[in-house]
Amino acid sequence: MGIGGGIFLIALGAILTFAVHANTSWLDLHVVGWVLMLSGVLVLVLTIWFWQGRRRQRGLTLVEQAQIAHDPAQAHPVLPQPPDTDFPPGPQH
């Protein structure tokens, strides 16, 4: 849900608690508003707690590095050349 969801729950709960003045016999909007605000605060706290846990986890990454020694006294390897053709290339049909 994240930070945005937590702020949304807090705002919705505050609207239901402090701004809506409707009388319903089967539902108390003030209690619903307080429950939404508390759940929004809980979502914010849990999100921040999980983010802090991610930042603390630092692991070592093993990187292997191959070092090639170059001896300038050795001759360079001869690469095979493509075979020569006896006739020049002609027009393509």
PDB file of N, CA and C in Angstrom:
ATOM      1  N   MET A   1       0.840  -1.176   0.000  1.00  0.00           N
ATOM      2  CA  MET A   1       0.000   0.000   0.000  1.00  0.00           C
ATOM      3  C   MET A   1       0.890   1.245   0.000  1.00  0.00           C
ATOM      4  N   GLY A   2       1.818   1.333   0.865  1.00  0.00           N
ATOM      5  CA  GLY A   2       2.801   2.399   0.828  1.00  0.00           C
ATOM      6  C   GLY A   2       2.362   3.688   1.497  1.00  0.00           C
ATOM      7  N   ILE A   3       3.171   4.697   1.272  1.00  0.00           N
ATOM      8  CA  ILE A   3       2.944   5.995   1.911  1.00  0.00           C
ATOM      9  C   ILE A   3       1.680   6.648   1.379  1.00  0.00           C
ATOM     10  N   GLY A   4       1.457   6.572   0.080  1.00  0.00           N
ATOM     11  CA  GLY A   4       0.267   7.189  -0.505  1.00  0.00           C
ATOM     12  C   GLY A   4      -1.018   6.587   0.037  1.00  0.00           C
ATOM     13  N   GLY A   5      -1.038   5.262   0.166  1.00  0.00           N
ATOM     14  CA  GLY A   5      -2.222   4.601   0.717  1.00  0.00           C
ATOM     15  C   GLY A   5      -2.466   4.972   2.167  1.00  0.00           C
ATOM     16  N   GLY A   6      -1.393   5.069   2.944  1.00  0.00           N
ATOM     17  CA  GLY A   6      -1.538   5.463   4.347  1.00  0.00           C
ATOM     18  C   GLY A   6      -2.081   6.878   4.495  1.00  0.00           C
ATOM     19  N   ILE A   7      -1.573   7.782   3.674  1.00  0.00           N
ATOM     20  CA  ILE A   7      -2.066   9.169   3.728  1.00  0.00           C
ATOM     21  C   ILE A   7      -3.517   9.229   3.273  1.00  0.00           C
ATOM     22  N   PHE A   8      -3.874   8.429   2.269  1.00  0.00           N
ATOM     23  CA  PHE A   8      -5.262   8.393   1.808  1.00  0.00           C
ATOM     24  C   PHE A   8      -6.190   7.903   2.912  1.00  0.00           C
ATOM     25  N   LEU A   9      -5.796   6.844   3.633  1.00  0.00           N
ATOM     26  CA  LEU A   9      -6.629   6.342   4.724  1.00  0.00           C
ATOM     27  C   LEU A   9      -6.770   7.361   5.840  1.00  0.00           C
ATOM     28  N   ILE A  10      -5.715   8.071   6.151  1.00  0.00           N
ATOM     29  CA  ILE A  10      -5.781   9.096   7.198  1.00  0.00           C
ATOM     30  C   ILE A  10      -6.722  10.218   6.771  1.00  0.00           C
ATOM     31  N   ALA A  11      -6.606  10.653   5.523  1.00  0.00           N
ATOM     32  CA  ALA A  11      -7.455  11.744   5.038  1.00  0.00           C
ATOM     33  C   ALA A  11      -8.922  11.310   4.992  1.00  0.00           C
ATOM     34  N   LEU A  12      -9.188  10.113   4.509  1.00  0.00           N
ATOM     35  CA  LEU A  12     -10.568   9.630   4.450  1.00  0.00           C
ATOM     36  C   LEU A  12     -11.156   9.479   5.845  1.00  0.00           C
ATOM     37  N   GLY A  13     -10.369   8.965   6.757  1.00  0.00           N
ATOM     38  CA  GLY A  13     -10.833   8.840   8.141  1.00  0.00           C
ATOM     39  C   GLY A  13     -11.098  10.189   8.787  1.00  0.00           C
ATOM     40  N   ALA A  14     -10.251  11.171   8.518  1.00  0.00           N
ATOM     41  CA  ALA A  14     -10.463  12.509   9.078  1.00  0.00           C
ATOM     42  C   ALA A  14     -11.732  13.145   8.504  1.00  0.00           C
ATOM     43  N   ILE A  15     -11.980  12.923   7.228  1.00  0.00           N
ATOM     44  CA  ILE A  15     -13.208  13.464   6.622  1.00  0.00           C
ATOM     45  C   ILE A  15     -14.432  12.826   7.262  1.00  0.00           C
ATOM     46  N   LEU A  16     -14.411  11.510   7.411  1.00  0.00           N
ATOM     47  CA  LEU A  16     -15.564  10.846   8.023  1.00  0.00           C
ATOM     48  C   LEU A  16     -15.738  11.226   9.485  1.00  0.00           C
ATOM     49  N   THR A  17     -14.658  11.445  10.198  1.00  0.00           N
ATOM     50  CA  THR A  17     -14.756  11.761  11.626  1.00  0.00           C
ATOM     51  C   THR A  17     -15.170  13.200  11.870  1.00  0.00           C
ATOM     52  N   PHE A  18     -14.558  14.146  11.168  1.00  0.00           N
ATOM     53  CA  PHE A  18     -14.737  15.552  11.522  1.00  0.00           C
ATOM     54  C   PHE A  18     -15.638  16.330  10.569  1.00  0.00           C
ATOM     55  N   ALA A  19     -15.837  15.872   9.345  1.00  0.00           N
ATOM     56  CA  ALA A  19     -16.574  16.689   8.386  1.00  0.00           C
ATOM     57  C   ALA A  19     -17.965  16.154   8.052  1.00  0.00           C
ATOM     58  N   VAL A  20     -18.179  14.877   8.196  1.00  0.00           N
ATOM     59  CA  VAL A  20     -19.479  14.312   7.846  1.00  0.00           C
ATOM     60  C   VAL A  20     -20.357  14.273   9.083  1.00  0.00           C
ATOM     61  N   HIS A  21     -21.539  14.857   8.967  1.00  0.00           N
ATOM     62  CA  HIS A  21     -22.485  14.890  10.086  1.00  0.00           C
ATOM     63  C   HIS A  21     -23.775  14.188   9.670  1.00  0.00           C
ATOM     64  N   ALA A  22     -23.671  12.930   9.336  1.00  0.00           N
ATOM     65  CA  ALA A  22     -24.845  12.153   8.950  1.00  0.00           C
ATOM     66  C   ALA A  22     -25.193  11.206  10.084  1.00  0.00           C
ATOM     67  N   ASN A  23     -26.486  11.005  10.287  1.00  0.00           N
ATOM     68  CA  ASN A  23     -26.945  10.092  11.325  1.00  0.00           C
ATOM     69  C   ASN A  23     -27.438   8.812  10.657  1.00  0.00           C
ATOM     70  N   THR A  24     -26.698   7.767  10.874  1.00  0.00           N
ATOM     71  CA  THR A  24     -27.127   6.461  10.396  1.00  0.00           C
ATOM     72  C   THR A  24     -27.349   5.579  11.610  1.00  0.00           C
ATOM     73  N   SER A  25     -28.416   4.815  11.583  1.00  0.00           N
ATOM     74  CA  SER A  25     -28.742   3.990  12.754  1.00  0.00           C
ATOM     75  C   SER A  25     -27.883   2.730  12.820  1.00  0.00           C
ATOM     76  N   TRP A  26     -27.360   2.291  11.705  1.00  0.00           N
ATOM     77  CA  TRP A  26     -26.631   1.027  11.680  1.00  0.00           C
ATOM     78  C   TRP A  26     -25.118   1.193  11.608  1.00  0.00           C
ATOM     79  N   LEU A  27     -24.634   2.450  11.433  1.00  0.00           N
ATOM     80  CA  LEU A  27     -23.199   2.667  11.290  1.00  0.00           C
ATOM     81  C   LEU A  27     -22.806   3.985  11.941  1.00  0.00           C
ATOM     82  N   ASP A  28     -21.797   3.939  12.782  1.00  0.00           N
ATOM     83  CA  ASP A  28     -21.275   5.157  13.407  1.00  0.00           C
ATOM     84  C   ASP A  28     -20.077   5.628  12.581  1.00  0.00           C
ATOM     85  N   LEU A  29     -20.272   6.706  11.815  1.00  0.00           N
ATOM     86  CA  LEU A  29     -19.221   7.192  10.917  1.00  0.00           C
ATOM     87  C   LEU A  29     -18.007   7.722  11.670  1.00  0.00           C
ATOM     88  N   HIS A  30     -18.205   8.200  12.885  1.00  0.00           N
ATOM     89  CA  HIS A  30     -17.066   8.698  13.674  1.00  0.00           C
ATOM     90  C   HIS A  30     -16.121   7.543  14.037  1.00  0.00           C
ATOM     91  N   VAL A  31     -16.693   6.408  14.399  1.00  0.00           N
ATOM     92  CA  VAL A  31     -15.853   5.252  14.737  1.00  0.00           C
ATOM     93  C   VAL A  31     -15.143   4.731  13.482  1.00  0.00           C
ATOM     94  N   VAL A  32     -15.856   4.678  12.362  1.00  0.00           N
ATOM     95  CA  VAL A  32     -15.242   4.243  11.107  1.00  0.00           C
ATOM     96  C   VAL A  32     -14.097   5.183  10.734  1.00  0.00           C
ATOM     97  N   GLY A  33     -14.294   6.477  10.923  1.00  0.00           N
ATOM     98  CA  GLY A  33     -13.244   7.449  10.630  1.00  0.00           C
ATOM     99  C   GLY A  33     -12.015   7.250  11.493  1.00  0.00           C
ATOM    100  N   TRP A  34     -12.228   7.020  12.794  1.00  0.00           N
ATOM    101  CA  TRP A  34     -11.083   6.789  13.676  1.00  0.00           C
ATOM    102  C   TRP A  34     -10.348   5.503  13.313  1.00  0.00           C
ATOM    103  N   VAL A  35     -11.108   4.467  12.944  1.00  0.00           N
ATOM    104  CA  VAL A  35     -10.471   3.205  12.546  1.00  0.00           C
ATOM    105  C   VAL A  35      -9.641   3.413  11.278  1.00  0.00           C
ATOM    106  N   LEU A  36     -10.171   4.152  10.322  1.00  0.00           N
ATOM    107  CA  LEU A  36      -9.415   4.419   9.097  1.00  0.00           C
ATOM    108  C   LEU A  36      -8.163   5.250   9.373  1.00  0.00           C
ATOM    109  N   MET A  37      -8.275   6.247  10.244  1.00  0.00           N
ATOM    110  CA  MET A  37      -7.089   7.059  10.572  1.00  0.00           C
ATOM    111  C   MET A  37      -6.017   6.212  11.259  1.00  0.00           C
ATOM    112  N   LEU A  38      -6.422   5.363  12.196  1.00  0.00           N
ATOM    113  CA  LEU A  38      -5.438   4.513  12.883  1.00  0.00           C
ATOM    114  C   LEU A  38      -4.815   3.500  11.927  1.00  0.00           C
ATOM    115  N   SER A  39      -5.599   2.949  11.027  1.00  0.00           N
ATOM    116  CA  SER A  39      -5.016   2.011  10.067  1.00  0.00           C
ATOM    117  C   SER A  39      -4.079   2.737   9.104  1.00  0.00           C
ATOM    118  N   GLY A  40      -4.376   3.985   8.747  1.00  0.00           N
ATOM    119  CA  GLY A  40      -3.468   4.762   7.909  1.00  0.00           C
ATOM    120  C   GLY A  40      -2.144   5.028   8.595  1.00  0.00           C
ATOM    121  N   VAL A  41      -2.196   5.346   9.882  1.00  0.00           N
ATOM    122  CA  VAL A  41      -0.963   5.558  10.646  1.00  0.00           C
ATOM    123  C   VAL A  41      -0.179   4.251  10.725  1.00  0.00           C
ATOM    124  N   LEU A  42      -0.882   3.133  10.911  1.00  0.00           N
ATOM    125  CA  LEU A  42      -0.203   1.838  10.966  1.00  0.00           C
ATOM    126  C   LEU A  42       0.467   1.513   9.641  1.00  0.00           C
ATOM    127  N   VAL A  43      -0.195   1.811   8.535  1.00  0.00           N
ATOM    128  CA  VAL A  43       0.401   1.579   7.217  1.00  0.00           C
ATOM    129  C   VAL A  43       1.651   2.430   7.038  1.00  0.00           C
ATOM    130  N   LEU A  44       1.594   3.692   7.448  1.00  0.00           N
ATOM    131  CA  LEU A  44       2.776   4.560   7.336  1.00  0.00           C
ATOM    132  C   LEU A  44       3.942   4.030   8.170  1.00  0.00           C
ATOM    133  N   VAL A  45       3.649   3.626   9.402  1.00  0.00           N
ATOM    134  CA  VAL A  45       4.714   3.135  10.285  1.00  0.00           C
ATOM    135  C   VAL A  45       5.329   1.858   9.718  1.00  0.00           C
ATOM    136  N   LEU A  46       4.483   0.934   9.243  1.00  0.00           N
ATOM    137  CA  LEU A  46       5.019  -0.308   8.683  1.00  0.00           C
ATOM    138  C   LEU A  46       5.826  -0.062   7.412  1.00  0.00           C
ATOM    139  N   THR A  47       5.382   0.866   6.587  1.00  0.00           N
ATOM    140  CA  THR A  47       6.123   1.176   5.363  1.00  0.00           C
ATOM    141  C   THR A  47       7.499   1.742   5.681  1.00  0.00           C
ATOM    142  N   ILE A  48       7.552   2.667   6.605  1.00  0.00           N
ATOM    143  CA  ILE A  48       8.842   3.253   6.995  1.00  0.00           C
ATOM    144  C   ILE A  48       9.731   2.202   7.640  1.00  0.00           C
ATOM    145  N   TRP A  49       9.144   1.310   8.436  1.00  0.00           N
ATOM    146  CA  TRP A  49       9.928   0.257   9.087  1.00  0.00           C
ATOM    147  C   TRP A  49      10.527  -0.698   8.060  1.00  0.00           C
ATOM    148  N   PHE A  50       9.745  -1.090   7.050  1.00  0.00           N
ATOM    149  CA  PHE A  50      10.275  -1.972   6.015  1.00  0.00           C
ATOM    150  C   PHE A  50      11.340  -1.269   5.183  1.00  0.00           C
ATOM    151  N   TRP A  51      11.169   0.019   4.917  1.00  0.00           N
ATOM    152  CA  TRP A  51      12.182   0.753   4.158  1.00  0.00           C
ATOM    153  C   TRP A  51      13.488   0.825   4.938  1.00  0.00           C
ATOM    154  N   GLN A  52      13.419   1.023   6.236  1.00  0.00           N
ATOM    155  CA  GLN A  52      14.634   1.068   7.040  1.00  0.00           C
ATOM    156  C   GLN A  52      15.336  -0.285   7.033  1.00  0.00           C
ATOM    157  N   GLY A  53      14.562  -1.360   7.018  1.00  0.00           N
ATOM    158  CA  GLY A  53      15.149  -2.696   6.965  1.00  0.00           C
ATOM    159  C   GLY A  53      15.887  -2.942   5.668  1.00  0.00           C
ATOM    160  N   ARG A  54      15.384  -2.410   4.575  1.00  0.00           N
ATOM    161  CA  ARG A  54      16.067  -2.567   3.281  1.00  0.00           C
ATOM    162  C   ARG A  54      17.379  -1.813   3.249  1.00  0.00           C
ATOM    163  N   ARG A  55      17.396  -0.656   3.850  1.00  0.00           N
ATOM    164  CA  ARG A  55      18.616   0.155   3.806  1.00  0.00           C
ATOM    165  C   ARG A  55      19.728  -0.470   4.644  1.00  0.00           C
ATOM    166  N   ARG A  56      19.361  -1.191   5.698  1.00  0.00           N
ATOM    167  CA  ARG A  56      20.373  -1.778   6.560  1.00  0.00           C
ATOM    168  C   ARG A  56      21.020  -3.007   5.937  1.00  0.00           C
ATOM    169  N   GLN A  57      20.331  -3.674   5.051  1.00  0.00           N
ATOM    170  CA  GLN A  57      20.865  -4.898   4.477  1.00  0.00           C
ATOM    171  C   GLN A  57      21.863  -4.566   3.374  1.00  0.00           C
ATOM    172  N   ARG A  58      23.091  -4.665   3.729  1.00  0.00           N
ATOM    173  CA  ARG A  58      24.149  -4.446   2.749  1.00  0.00           C
ATOM    174  C   ARG A  58      24.996  -5.692   2.715  1.00  0.00           C
ATOM    175  N   GLY A  59      25.148  -6.225   1.557  1.00  0.00           N
ATOM    176  CA  GLY A  59      25.947  -7.435   1.421  1.00  0.00           C
ATOM    177  C   GLY A  59      27.167  -7.165   0.570  1.00  0.00           C
ATOM    178  N   LEU A  60      28.104  -8.042   0.694  1.00  0.00           N
ATOM    179  CA  LEU A  60      29.301  -7.930  -0.120  1.00  0.00           C
ATOM    180  C   LEU A  60      29.070  -8.653  -1.433  1.00  0.00           C
ATOM    181  N   THR A  61      29.528  -8.068  -2.484  1.00  0.00           N
ATOM    182  CA  THR A  61      29.440  -8.685  -3.797  1.00  0.00           C
ATOM    183  C   THR A  61      30.842  -9.071  -4.225  1.00  0.00           C
ATOM    184  N   LEU A  62      31.014 -10.335  -4.516  1.00  0.00           N
ATOM    185  CA  LEU A  62      32.320 -10.824  -4.931  1.00  0.00           C
ATOM    186  C   LEU A  62      32.462 -10.637  -6.427  1.00  0.00           C
ATOM    187  N   VAL A  63      33.463  -9.914  -6.808  1.00  0.00           N
ATOM    188  CA  VAL A  63      33.736  -9.680  -8.222  1.00  0.00           C
ATOM    189  C   VAL A  63      35.098 -10.282  -8.520  1.00  0.00           C
ATOM    190  N   GLU A  64      35.097 -11.213  -9.454  1.00  0.00           N
ATOM    191  CA  GLU A  64      36.365 -11.827  -9.831  1.00  0.00           C
ATOM    192  C   GLU A  64      36.940 -11.067 -11.015  1.00  0.00           C
ATOM    193  N   GLN A  65      38.220 -10.830 -10.943  1.00  0.00           N
ATOM    194  CA  GLN A  65      38.876 -10.077 -11.993  1.00  0.00           C
ATOM    195  C   GLN A  65      40.025 -10.922 -12.535  1.00  0.00           C
ATOM    196  N   ALA A  66      40.017 -11.107 -13.826  1.00  0.00           N
ATOM    197  CA  ALA A  66      41.091 -11.872 -14.457  1.00  0.00           C
ATOM    198  C   ALA A  66      42.144 -10.888 -14.977  1.00  0.00           C
ATOM    199  N   GLN A  67      43.371 -11.148 -14.630  1.00  0.00           N
ATOM    200  CA  GLN A  67      44.448 -10.294 -15.100  1.00  0.00           C
ATOM    201  C   GLN A  67      45.261 -11.077 -16.134  1.00  0.00           C
ATOM    202  N   ILE A  68      45.440 -10.487 -17.262  1.00  0.00           N
ATOM    203  CA  ILE A  68      46.199 -11.113 -18.331  1.00  0.00           C
ATOM    204  C   ILE A  68      47.542 -10.396 -18.428  1.00  0.00           C
ATOM    205  N   ALA A  69      48.579 -11.176 -18.308  1.00  0.00           N
ATOM    206  CA  ALA A  69      49.915 -10.598 -18.414  1.00  0.00           C
ATOM    207  C   ALA A  69      50.333 -10.606 -19.884  1.00  0.00           C
ATOM    208  N   HIS A  70      50.805  -9.496 -20.344  1.00  0.00           N
ATOM    209  CA  HIS A  70      51.243  -9.372 -21.746  1.00  0.00           C
ATOM    210  C   HIS A  70      52.761  -9.303 -21.765  1.00  0.00           C
ATOM    211  N   ASP A  71      53.351 -10.249 -22.460  1.00  0.00           N
ATOM    212  CA  ASP A  71      54.804 -10.275 -22.600  1.00  0.00           C
ATOM    213  C   ASP A  71      55.141  -9.740 -23.984  1.00  0.00           C
ATOM    214  N   PRO A  72      55.701  -8.526 -24.089  1.00  0.00           N
ATOM    215  CA  PRO A  72      55.991  -7.959 -25.404  1.00  0.00           C
ATOM    216  C   PRO A  72      57.041  -8.739 -26.193  1.00  0.00           C
ATOM    217  N   ALA A  73      57.808  -9.616 -25.537  1.00  0.00           N
ATOM    218  CA  ALA A  73      58.833 -10.379 -26.254  1.00  0.00           C
ATOM    219  C   ALA A  73      58.213 -11.504 -27.076  1.00  0.00           C
ATOM    220  N   GLN A  74      57.024 -11.947 -26.701  1.00  0.00           N
ATOM    221  CA  GLN A  74      56.382 -13.024 -27.451  1.00  0.00           C
ATOM    222  C   GLN A  74      55.739 -12.458 -28.713  1.00  0.00           C
ATOM    223  N   ALA A  75      55.740 -13.288 -29.744  1.00  0.00           N
ATOM    224  CA  ALA A  75      55.129 -12.861 -31.008  1.00  0.00           C
ATOM    225  C   ALA A  75      53.615 -12.937 -30.886  1.00  0.00           C
ATOM    226  N   HIS A  76      52.985 -12.076 -31.636  1.00  0.00           N
ATOM    227  CA  HIS A  76      51.524 -12.080 -31.643  1.00  0.00           C
ATOM    228  C   HIS A  76      51.028 -13.280 -32.434  1.00  0.00           C
ATOM    229  N   PRO A  77      49.920 -13.866 -32.049  1.00  0.00           N
ATOM    230  CA  PRO A  77      49.419 -15.027 -32.795  1.00  0.00           C
ATOM    231  C   PRO A  77      48.981 -14.608 -34.193  1.00  0.00           C
ATOM    232  N   VAL A  78      49.216 -15.490 -35.131  1.00  0.00           N
ATOM    233  CA  VAL A  78      48.840 -15.229 -36.509  1.00  0.00           C
ATOM    234  C   VAL A  78      47.416 -15.732 -36.703  1.00  0.00           C
ATOM    235  N   LEU A  79      46.565 -14.848 -37.151  1.00  0.00           N
ATOM    236  CA  LEU A  79      45.180 -15.217 -37.371  1.00  0.00           C
ATOM    237  C   LEU A  79      45.013 -15.777 -38.770  1.00  0.00           C
ATOM    238  N   PRO A  80      44.181 -16.782 -38.958  1.00  0.00           N
ATOM    239  CA  PRO A  80      43.995 -17.339 -40.305  1.00  0.00           C
ATOM    240  C   PRO A  80      43.335 -16.318 -41.220  1.00  0.00           C
ATOM    241  N   GLN A  81      43.831 -16.264 -42.467  1.00  0.00           N
ATOM    242  CA  GLN A  81      43.302 -15.342 -43.461  1.00  0.00           C
ATOM    243  C   GLN A  81      42.283 -16.077 -44.319  1.00  0.00           C
ATOM    244  N   PRO A  82      41.304 -15.379 -44.833  1.00  0.00           N
ATOM    245  CA  PRO A  82      40.363 -16.046 -45.737  1.00  0.00           C
ATOM    246  C   PRO A  82      41.086 -16.469 -47.005  1.00  0.00           C
ATOM    247  N   PRO A  83      40.640 -17.564 -47.624  1.00  0.00           N
ATOM    248  CA  PRO A  83      41.340 -18.048 -48.822  1.00  0.00           C
ATOM    249  C   PRO A  83      41.200 -17.056 -49.974  1.00  0.00           C
ATOM    250  N   ASP A  84      42.287 -16.930 -50.750  1.00  0.00           N
ATOM    251  CA  ASP A  84      42.259 -16.042 -51.918  1.00  0.00           C
ATOM    252  C   ASP A  84      41.517 -16.750 -53.051  1.00  0.00           C
ATOM    253  N   THR A  85      40.852 -15.985 -53.823  1.00  0.00           N
ATOM    254  CA  THR A  85      40.169 -16.533 -54.994  1.00  0.00           C
ATOM    255  C   THR A  85      40.971 -16.170 -56.239  1.00  0.00           C
ATOM    256  N   ASP A  86      40.907 -17.018 -57.265  1.00  0.00           N
ATOM    257  CA  ASP A  86      41.678 -16.794 -58.485  1.00  0.00           C
ATOM    258  C   ASP A  86      41.016 -15.799 -59.411  1.00  0.00           C
ATOM    259  N   PHE A  87      39.762 -15.563 -59.237  1.00  0.00           N
ATOM    260  CA  PHE A  87      39.060 -14.658 -60.147  1.00  0.00           C
ATOM    261  C   PHE A  87      38.453 -13.502 -59.351  1.00  0.00           C
ATOM    262  N   PRO A  88      38.384 -12.336 -59.978  1.00  0.00           N
ATOM    263  CA  PRO A  88      37.806 -11.190 -59.260  1.00  0.00           C
ATOM    264  C   PRO A  88      36.295 -11.351 -59.139  1.00  0.00           C
ATOM    265  N   PRO A  89      35.745 -10.724 -58.138  1.00  0.00           N
ATOM    266  CA  PRO A  89      34.285 -10.839 -57.975  1.00  0.00           C
ATOM    267  C   PRO A  89      33.575 -10.181 -59.152  1.00  0.00           C
ATOM    268  N   GLY A  90      32.563 -10.834 -59.639  1.00  0.00           N
ATOM    269  CA  GLY A  90      31.797 -10.329 -60.781  1.00  0.00           C
ATOM    270  C   GLY A  90      30.528  -9.633 -60.320  1.00  0.00           C
ATOM    271  N   PRO A  91      29.748  -9.169 -61.295  1.00  0.00           N
ATOM    272  CA  PRO A  91      28.496  -8.506 -60.927  1.00  0.00           C
ATOM    273  C   PRO A  91      27.522  -9.500 -60.302  1.00  0.00           C
ATOM    274  N   GLN A  92      26.777  -9.039 -59.381  1.00  0.00           N
ATOM    275  CA  GLN A  92      25.783  -9.873 -58.705  1.00  0.00           C
ATOM    276  C   GLN A  92      24.518  -9.934 -59.539  1.00  0.00           C
ATOM    277  N   HIS A  93      23.941 -11.099 -59.751  1.00  0.00           N
ATOM    278  CA  HIS A  93      22.697 -11.256 -60.514  1.00  0.00           C
ATOM    279  C   HIS A  93      21.552 -11.464 -59.584  1.00  0.00           C
TER     280      HIS A  93
END
